[in-house]
Amino acid sequence: MWSSFGLHVLPRRPPRCILHEMSFNYHDFFEQRPDVCGGELVIKGTRVTVRTLLASLAEGASADEILADFPTVTAEGMRAVIAFAAASAEEDFPIPPVPASR
């Protein structure tokens, strides 16, 4: 599923390394305006909040199901939401370095 959004899981590497290798700028896909959804973070050009898409993912919906439910959201927009969540998790829960294997 993630490969269709350009996020590939690399075996035996800590998530911190994956995030640092991302060159995808998810900020370009979001906007906050007081006149749209009460100023919540939304996918640019839509009224779909990032919070709504993250909640759908957390409830078990696949990215394809979410894209079908929200036709104004693009696959790149979903990728941005996933990248945002990954970056937010790294900031909130720093992952300790993995000890070197012997």
Protein backbone atom coordinates (compact mmCIF):
# COMPACT_ATOMS: atom_id res chain seq x y z
CA MET A 1 0.00 0.00 0.00
CA TRP A 2 2.64 2.57 0.92
CA SER A 3 4.65 2.08 -2.24
CA SER A 4 1.88 3.72 -4.30
CA PHE A 5 2.51 6.89 -2.28
CA GLY A 6 6.28 6.77 -2.65
CA LEU A 7 6.97 5.61 0.90
CA HIS A 8 8.97 2.41 0.95
CA VAL A 9 9.79 0.51 4.12
CA LEU A 10 13.44 -0.43 4.23
CA PRO A 11 14.20 -3.65 6.10
CA ARG A 12 16.30 -3.51 9.29
CA ARG A 13 16.61 0.28 9.32
CA PRO A 14 15.08 2.41 12.05
CA PRO A 15 12.17 4.68 11.05
CA ARG A 16 14.30 7.75 11.85
CA CYS A 17 16.47 6.97 8.79
CA ILE A 18 13.44 6.65 6.54
CA LEU A 19 12.18 10.09 7.58
CA HIS A 20 15.52 11.74 6.97
CA GLU A 21 15.67 10.30 3.46
CA MET A 22 12.26 11.75 2.48
CA SER A 23 12.63 14.62 0.06
CA PHE A 24 8.86 15.04 -0.18
CA ASN A 25 7.65 18.42 1.13
CA TYR A 26 4.25 17.71 2.63
CA HIS A 27 3.75 21.35 3.70
CA ASP A 28 3.01 22.26 0.07
CA PHE A 29 -0.23 20.25 0.24
CA PHE A 30 -1.77 21.89 3.33
CA GLU A 31 -3.31 25.22 4.18
CA GLN A 32 -4.97 26.91 7.15
CA ARG A 33 -7.48 29.68 6.57
CA PRO A 34 -9.91 31.11 9.10
CA ASP A 35 -12.74 30.93 6.53
CA VAL A 36 -12.24 27.21 5.80
CA CYS A 37 -13.19 24.60 8.42
CA GLY A 38 -12.67 27.03 11.29
CA GLY A 39 -8.98 27.41 10.53
CA GLU A 40 -8.16 23.70 10.83
CA LEU A 41 -5.34 22.27 8.72
CA VAL A 42 -6.86 21.08 5.41
CA ILE A 43 -5.66 19.65 2.13
CA LYS A 44 -5.02 22.70 -0.05
CA GLY A 45 -7.98 23.61 -2.24
CA THR A 46 -10.41 21.37 -0.32
CA ARG A 47 -12.48 21.42 2.84
CA VAL A 48 -11.07 18.05 3.95
CA THR A 49 -9.14 18.28 7.21
CA VAL A 50 -5.90 16.47 7.85
CA ARG A 51 -7.45 15.33 11.14
CA THR A 52 -10.32 13.63 9.26
CA LEU A 53 -7.94 11.75 6.98
CA LEU A 54 -5.74 10.66 9.89
CA ALA A 55 -8.81 9.47 11.79
CA SER A 56 -9.90 7.44 8.76
CA LEU A 57 -6.47 5.81 8.60
CA ALA A 58 -6.55 5.12 12.35
CA GLU A 59 -9.96 3.45 11.99
CA GLY A 60 -8.46 1.04 9.46
CA ALA A 61 -9.51 2.52 6.14
CA SER A 62 -7.04 1.97 3.34
CA ALA A 63 -5.64 4.90 1.39
CA ASP A 64 -7.63 3.76 -1.64
CA GLU A 65 -10.87 3.71 0.39
CA ILE A 66 -10.15 7.20 1.71
CA LEU A 67 -9.45 8.52 -1.79
CA ALA A 68 -12.76 7.05 -2.95
CA ASP A 69 -14.59 8.67 -0.02
CA PHE A 70 -12.94 12.07 -0.56
CA PRO A 71 -12.65 12.60 -4.33
CA THR A 72 -11.13 16.09 -3.91
CA VAL A 73 -8.09 14.55 -2.19
CA THR A 74 -5.34 13.32 -4.49
CA ALA A 75 -2.95 10.43 -3.94
CA GLU A 76 -0.20 13.02 -3.41
CA GLY A 77 -2.38 14.70 -0.78
CA MET A 78 -2.77 11.36 1.05
CA ARG A 79 0.98 10.86 0.82
CA ALA A 80 1.41 14.31 2.41
CA VAL A 81 -0.91 13.35 5.28
CA ILE A 82 1.07 10.16 5.93
CA ALA A 83 4.39 12.05 5.76
CA PHE A 84 3.00 14.68 8.14
CA ALA A 85 1.96 11.97 10.62
CA ALA A 86 5.38 10.32 10.41
CA ALA A 87 7.20 13.62 10.97
CA SER A 88 4.87 14.53 13.85
CA ALA A 89 5.46 11.17 15.52
CA GLU A 90 9.21 11.63 15.24
CA GLU A 91 8.98 15.05 16.91
CA ASP A 92 6.70 13.84 19.72
CA PHE A 93 8.36 10.50 20.33
CA PRO A 94 12.06 10.64 19.50
CA ILE A 95 13.32 7.21 18.61
CA PRO A 96 16.57 6.31 20.37
CA PRO A 97 19.40 5.29 18.07
CA VAL A 98 19.69 1.60 17.33
CA PRO A 99 22.87 0.11 18.81
CA ALA A 100 25.42 -1.06 16.28
CA SER A 101 25.24 -4.77 15.57
CA ARG A 102 28.25 -6.82 16.50
